[in-house]
Amino acid sequence: MKSARNKAWFALFTTPLYFVFITVVIVPFFMGIYYSFFTWDGMPLNPKTFVGIDNFIRLLGDARFGSSILLTVKYTVIAVLSINLLGLFFALVVTSSLKTRNLARTIFFMPNLIGGLILGYVWKFIFTDGFKTVGEVTGLHGLFFNWLLNGDTALIAIVIVSTWQMAGYVMIVYVAGLQAISTEVVEAAEIDGAGYFRRLKDIIFPLLAPSFTICLFLSLSNSFKIFDVNLSLTKGGPANLTEMFAMNVYNEIFSYKNYGYGQAKAIVFFVVVAVISLTQVYLSKRREVEM
């Protein structure tokens, strides 16, 4: 009787969640697969023309789409490294004997509470008007100029903003991993004469392997899916030089009104992100076992 009652309560609370998940995620996903086999402008009253896999074949010759993929890979490599290195550094700082570590933890995590669009618009002002003013005052025009007018510096600007936003989030994961490490093991190594960096390399980092797996997955998948910062900071400019994977799909559907072709890009986007993320998790999990 108690078991049936527990199942009833479980169903009562989970059914709305399943309904929302199916309605918002599963149904649109399969609808997107269906529309990817058509040529359509997205308007409900306009006709759809079945083209089979022509939309996917067309992707092979789409230079703009290929450029967005390469740019996203380049951005992801830099962003994953910067996010995790900075997040790990923050975690080591706030778990040390620093007297203001609680205040530092709040300050480091706070940017994650701000939406990507708002962050992008705030930093857009800094990289344009702010840097321009500093360059005029200091005379360092080679460093302080409008970074968003150059493709290379605009990409660096996106990396800076996304790192500033997400480093505090992965810091929390690393903090949890550090606090789970037995202090007795670390103290024993310290008594045996192991220095701080030796303890990091041989004890702390290997025991942080599960945290590395989680943080790499989060930063990798989020970097591939970056859209809000890209939209608010550069909108893919200048001249589409900072148009990321997700931005390319968005522009294809909503700017160029190629709904079917854009959905084909979205399906490829999903497959690429899923394969890379699952591969990373598999390799990281296997490394955990080896450690």
Protein backbone atom coordinates (compact mmCIF):
# COMPACT_ATOMS: atom_id res chain seq x y z
CA MET A 1 0.00 0.00 0.00
CA LYS A 2 2.82 2.36 0.93
CA SER A 3 4.68 1.50 -2.28
CA ALA A 4 1.62 2.28 -4.39
CA ARG A 5 1.16 5.57 -2.56
CA ASN A 6 4.81 6.50 -3.18
CA LYS A 7 4.44 5.69 -6.88
CA ALA A 8 1.30 7.84 -7.04
CA TRP A 9 3.11 10.82 -5.49
CA PHE A 10 6.06 10.24 -7.81
CA ALA A 11 3.76 10.24 -10.84
CA LEU A 12 1.96 13.35 -9.59
CA PHE A 13 5.15 15.40 -9.41
CA THR A 14 6.98 13.99 -12.45
CA THR A 15 4.15 13.87 -14.98
CA PRO A 16 4.09 17.67 -15.50
CA LEU A 17 7.87 17.60 -15.99
CA TYR A 18 7.64 14.81 -18.56
CA PHE A 19 4.84 16.70 -20.32
CA VAL A 20 6.90 19.90 -20.54
CA PHE A 21 10.02 18.01 -21.65
CA ILE A 22 8.15 16.13 -24.38
CA THR A 23 6.31 19.25 -25.53
CA VAL A 24 9.25 21.63 -25.49
CA VAL A 25 12.15 19.32 -26.45
CA ILE A 26 11.16 15.97 -27.95
CA VAL A 27 8.30 17.06 -30.23
CA PRO A 28 10.16 20.11 -31.70
CA PHE A 29 13.26 17.94 -32.22
CA PHE A 30 11.44 15.42 -34.38
CA MET A 31 9.53 18.20 -36.14
CA GLY A 32 12.90 19.75 -36.97
CA ILE A 33 14.10 16.46 -38.47
CA TYR A 34 10.90 16.32 -40.56
CA TYR A 35 11.27 19.89 -41.86
CA SER A 36 14.95 19.35 -42.75
CA PHE A 37 13.79 17.32 -45.76
CA PHE A 38 11.82 20.25 -47.19
CA THR A 39 12.43 23.62 -48.77
CA TRP A 40 10.31 26.10 -46.83
CA ASP A 41 10.44 29.72 -45.72
CA GLY A 42 8.81 28.99 -42.36
CA MET A 43 5.53 30.75 -43.10
CA PRO A 44 2.57 28.46 -42.18
CA LEU A 45 0.48 29.34 -45.26
CA ASN A 46 3.32 28.96 -47.77
CA PRO A 47 3.90 25.56 -49.43
CA LYS A 48 6.67 23.14 -48.50
CA THR A 49 8.62 21.29 -51.21
CA PHE A 50 10.05 17.88 -50.40
CA VAL A 51 13.73 17.72 -51.41
CA GLY A 52 14.91 14.61 -49.55
CA ILE A 53 18.52 14.86 -48.42
CA ASP A 54 19.34 17.74 -50.78
CA ASN A 55 19.56 20.15 -47.84
CA PHE A 56 22.25 17.97 -46.22
CA ILE A 57 24.14 17.61 -49.51
CA ARG A 58 24.00 21.37 -49.92
CA LEU A 59 25.84 21.75 -46.62
CA LEU A 60 28.97 20.20 -48.14
CA GLY A 61 29.39 23.20 -50.43
CA ASP A 62 28.35 25.89 -47.97
CA ALA A 63 31.54 27.88 -47.35
CA ARG A 64 29.93 30.15 -44.74
CA PHE A 65 28.72 27.14 -42.76
CA GLY A 66 32.17 25.53 -42.95
CA SER A 67 33.80 28.74 -41.75
CA SER A 68 31.42 28.92 -38.79
CA ILE A 69 32.31 25.34 -37.83
CA LEU A 70 36.06 26.02 -37.95
CA LEU A 71 35.62 29.27 -36.01
CA THR A 72 33.50 27.50 -33.36
CA VAL A 73 36.13 24.78 -32.96
CA LYS A 74 38.85 27.42 -32.59
CA TYR A 75 36.78 29.36 -30.07
CA THR A 76 35.86 26.19 -28.14
CA VAL A 77 39.48 25.07 -27.72
CA ILE A 78 40.52 28.48 -26.35
CA ALA A 79 37.40 28.94 -24.21
CA VAL A 80 37.51 25.47 -22.62
CA LEU A 81 41.13 25.99 -21.60
CA SER A 82 40.59 29.50 -20.25
CA ILE A 83 37.34 28.65 -18.41
CA ASN A 84 38.77 25.59 -16.67
CA LEU A 85 42.15 27.10 -15.84
CA LEU A 86 40.57 30.22 -14.37
CA GLY A 87 37.82 28.24 -12.62
CA LEU A 88 40.37 25.86 -11.08
CA PHE A 89 42.50 28.81 -9.96
CA PHE A 90 39.45 30.42 -8.34
CA ALA A 91 38.63 27.12 -6.59
CA LEU A 92 42.14 26.84 -5.17
CA VAL A 93 41.93 30.44 -3.94
CA VAL A 94 38.56 30.11 -2.18
CA THR A 95 39.54 26.79 -0.52
CA SER A 96 42.81 28.19 0.82
CA SER A 97 43.36 29.91 4.15
CA LEU A 98 42.48 33.29 2.64
CA LYS A 99 40.47 35.32 5.15
CA THR A 100 38.20 36.81 2.48
CA ARG A 101 37.59 33.49 0.71
CA ASN A 102 33.81 33.64 1.23
CA LEU A 103 33.67 37.14 -0.26
CA ALA A 104 35.91 36.01 -3.11
CA ARG A 105 33.63 33.02 -3.79
CA THR A 106 30.65 35.37 -4.11
CA ILE A 107 32.50 37.78 -6.39
CA PHE A 108 33.82 35.01 -8.65
CA PHE A 109 30.41 33.37 -9.01
CA MET A 110 28.38 36.55 -9.46
CA PRO A 111 28.95 36.98 -13.26
CA ASN A 112 27.25 33.62 -13.81
CA LEU A 113 24.04 35.06 -12.40
CA ILE A 114 23.89 37.65 -15.19
CA GLY A 115 22.33 36.61 -18.48
CA GLY A 116 24.56 36.25 -21.53
CA LEU A 117 22.67 38.91 -23.49
CA ILE A 118 23.08 41.50 -20.74
CA LEU A 119 26.75 40.61 -20.31
CA GLY A 120 27.29 40.94 -24.03
CA TYR A 121 25.77 44.41 -24.19
CA VAL A 122 27.73 45.59 -21.13
CA TRP A 123 31.02 44.29 -22.51
CA LYS A 124 30.16 45.65 -25.96
CA PHE A 125 30.25 49.14 -24.45
CA ILE A 126 33.59 48.34 -22.79
CA PHE A 127 35.22 46.97 -25.95
CA THR A 128 33.98 49.87 -28.10
CA ASP A 129 33.59 53.15 -26.24
CA GLY A 130 35.59 52.15 -23.16
CA PHE A 131 38.66 50.89 -24.99
CA LYS A 132 38.53 53.78 -27.45
CA THR A 133 38.54 56.32 -24.62
CA VAL A 134 41.41 54.58 -22.80
CA GLY A 135 43.40 54.51 -26.05
CA GLU A 136 42.90 58.24 -26.57
CA VAL A 137 43.92 59.05 -22.99
CA THR A 138 46.97 56.74 -22.79
CA GLY A 139 48.05 56.87 -26.42
CA LEU A 140 48.16 53.04 -26.56
CA HIS A 141 46.11 52.83 -29.74
CA GLY A 142 47.67 49.49 -30.67
CA LEU A 143 46.04 47.84 -27.64
CA PHE A 144 43.04 49.98 -26.78
CA PHE A 145 40.80 50.34 -29.81
CA ASN A 146 37.41 49.02 -30.86
CA TRP A 147 38.10 45.29 -30.64
CA LEU A 148 34.79 44.37 -32.26
CA LEU A 149 35.78 45.85 -35.63
CA ASN A 150 38.51 43.23 -36.15
CA GLY A 151 37.72 39.53 -36.56
CA ASP A 152 40.65 38.24 -34.46
CA THR A 153 40.24 40.67 -31.56
CA ALA A 154 36.45 40.23 -31.68
CA LEU A 155 36.91 36.49 -31.18
CA ILE A 156 39.21 37.18 -28.22
CA ALA A 157 36.53 39.50 -26.84
CA ILE A 158 33.94 36.72 -27.01
CA VAL A 159 36.34 34.36 -25.22
CA ILE A 160 36.94 36.94 -22.47
CA VAL A 161 33.23 37.52 -21.86
CA SER A 162 32.28 33.82 -21.87
CA THR A 163 35.23 32.96 -19.60
CA TRP A 164 34.33 35.75 -17.19
CA GLN A 165 30.77 34.43 -17.09
CA MET A 166 31.37 30.68 -16.74
CA ALA A 167 34.61 30.45 -14.72
CA GLY A 168 32.70 31.03 -11.49
CA TYR A 169 30.27 28.22 -12.31
CA VAL A 170 32.95 25.58 -12.89
CA MET A 171 34.68 26.94 -9.79
CA ILE A 172 31.79 25.60 -7.70
CA VAL A 173 32.26 22.12 -9.18
CA TYR A 174 35.99 22.22 -8.50
CA VAL A 175 35.36 23.48 -4.94
CA ALA A 176 33.08 20.51 -4.29
CA GLY A 177 35.78 18.18 -5.61
CA LEU A 178 38.48 19.78 -3.49
CA GLN A 179 36.38 19.58 -0.35
CA ALA A 180 35.75 15.88 -0.98
CA ILE A 181 39.48 15.12 -0.90
CA SER A 182 40.56 13.67 2.43
CA THR A 183 42.67 16.15 4.37
CA GLU A 184 44.53 13.23 5.92
CA VAL A 185 45.98 12.23 2.56
CA VAL A 186 47.14 15.76 1.83
CA GLU A 187 48.58 16.22 5.31
CA ALA A 188 50.42 12.90 5.07
CA ALA A 189 52.02 14.01 1.82
CA GLU A 190 52.96 17.32 3.40
CA ILE A 191 54.58 15.52 6.36
CA ASP A 192 56.53 13.37 3.90
CA GLY A 193 58.03 16.54 2.45
CA ALA A 194 55.90 17.02 -0.67
CA GLY A 195 55.70 20.68 -1.66
CA TYR A 196 52.52 22.48 -2.69
CA PHE A 197 52.93 21.96 -6.42
CA ARG A 198 53.97 18.33 -5.90
CA ARG A 199 50.78 17.75 -3.88
CA LEU A 200 48.75 19.37 -6.65
CA LYS A 201 50.31 17.23 -9.35
CA ASP A 202 50.42 13.84 -7.62
CA ILE A 203 47.45 13.94 -5.22
CA ILE A 204 44.95 16.73 -5.72
CA PHE A 205 44.66 16.74 -9.51
CA PRO A 206 44.29 12.94 -9.83
CA LEU A 207 41.59 12.96 -7.14
CA LEU A 208 39.86 15.81 -8.98
CA ALA A 209 39.38 13.64 -12.09
CA PRO A 210 35.55 13.40 -11.66
CA SER A 211 35.37 17.20 -11.36
CA PHE A 212 37.51 17.58 -14.48
CA THR A 213 35.09 15.31 -16.35
CA ILE A 214 32.06 17.37 -15.33
CA CYS A 215 33.68 20.76 -15.95
CA LEU A 216 35.10 19.76 -19.32
CA PHE A 217 31.69 18.48 -20.39
CA LEU A 218 29.91 21.66 -19.28
CA SER A 219 32.43 24.06 -20.78
CA LEU A 220 32.80 22.04 -24.00
CA SER A 221 29.08 21.71 -24.71
CA ASN A 222 28.32 25.32 -23.73
CA SER A 223 31.17 26.64 -25.89
CA PHE A 224 29.90 24.77 -28.93
CA LYS A 225 26.38 26.07 -28.29
CA ILE A 226 27.36 29.69 -27.61
CA PHE A 227 24.76 32.06 -29.00
CA ASP A 228 23.64 34.79 -26.60
CA VAL A 229 27.09 36.38 -26.12
CA ASN A 230 27.80 36.02 -29.84
CA LEU A 231 24.49 37.73 -30.68
CA SER A 232 24.74 40.63 -28.26
CA LEU A 233 28.47 41.28 -28.63
CA THR A 234 29.10 41.05 -32.39
CA LYS A 235 25.98 39.60 -34.12
CA GLY A 236 28.44 37.52 -36.14
CA GLY A 237 30.29 40.57 -37.46
CA PRO A 238 32.34 42.09 -38.77
CA ALA A 239 31.49 40.53 -42.19
CA ASN A 240 30.44 37.21 -40.55
CA LEU A 241 33.99 36.74 -39.22
CA THR A 242 32.65 35.86 -35.75
CA GLU A 243 29.55 33.95 -36.83
CA MET A 244 29.54 30.83 -34.64
CA PHE A 245 27.79 27.52 -35.29
CA ALA A 246 24.53 28.42 -33.50
CA MET A 247 24.50 31.94 -34.94
CA ASN A 248 24.82 30.52 -38.45
CA VAL A 249 21.78 28.27 -37.89
CA TYR A 250 19.81 31.19 -36.41
CA ASN A 251 20.62 33.49 -39.35
CA GLU A 252 19.73 30.81 -41.89
CA ILE A 253 16.27 30.33 -40.40
CA PHE A 254 15.27 33.78 -39.18
CA SER A 255 17.33 36.16 -41.35
CA TYR A 256 17.42 34.34 -44.69
CA LYS A 257 14.05 32.54 -44.23
CA ASN A 258 15.51 29.17 -45.28
CA TYR A 259 13.66 27.15 -42.64
CA GLY A 260 14.23 23.67 -44.10
CA TYR A 261 17.91 24.29 -44.85
CA GLY A 262 18.39 25.86 -41.43
CA GLN A 263 16.83 22.81 -39.79
CA ALA A 264 19.28 20.59 -41.68
CA LYS A 265 22.10 22.69 -40.22
CA ALA A 266 20.54 22.36 -36.77
CA ILE A 267 20.46 18.54 -37.07
CA VAL A 268 24.13 18.47 -38.07
CA PHE A 269 24.83 20.87 -35.20
CA PHE A 270 23.12 18.51 -32.74
CA VAL A 271 25.02 15.47 -34.02
CA VAL A 272 28.40 17.23 -33.88
CA VAL A 273 27.89 18.53 -30.32
CA ALA A 274 26.51 15.17 -29.10
CA VAL A 275 29.37 13.13 -30.61
CA ILE A 276 32.12 15.43 -29.31
CA SER A 277 30.57 15.76 -25.83
CA LEU A 278 29.96 12.01 -25.41
CA THR A 279 33.47 11.23 -26.67
CA GLN A 280 34.94 13.65 -24.14
CA VAL A 281 32.92 12.10 -21.30
CA TYR A 282 33.95 8.57 -22.36
CA LEU A 283 37.66 9.44 -22.52
CA SER A 284 37.53 11.34 -19.24
CA LYS A 285 35.69 8.50 -17.47
CA ARG A 286 38.22 5.98 -18.74
CA ARG A 287 41.02 8.19 -17.46
CA GLU A 288 39.32 8.29 -14.05
CA VAL A 289 39.40 4.49 -13.90
CA GLU A 290 43.09 4.44 -14.90
CA MET A 291 43.89 6.91 -12.14
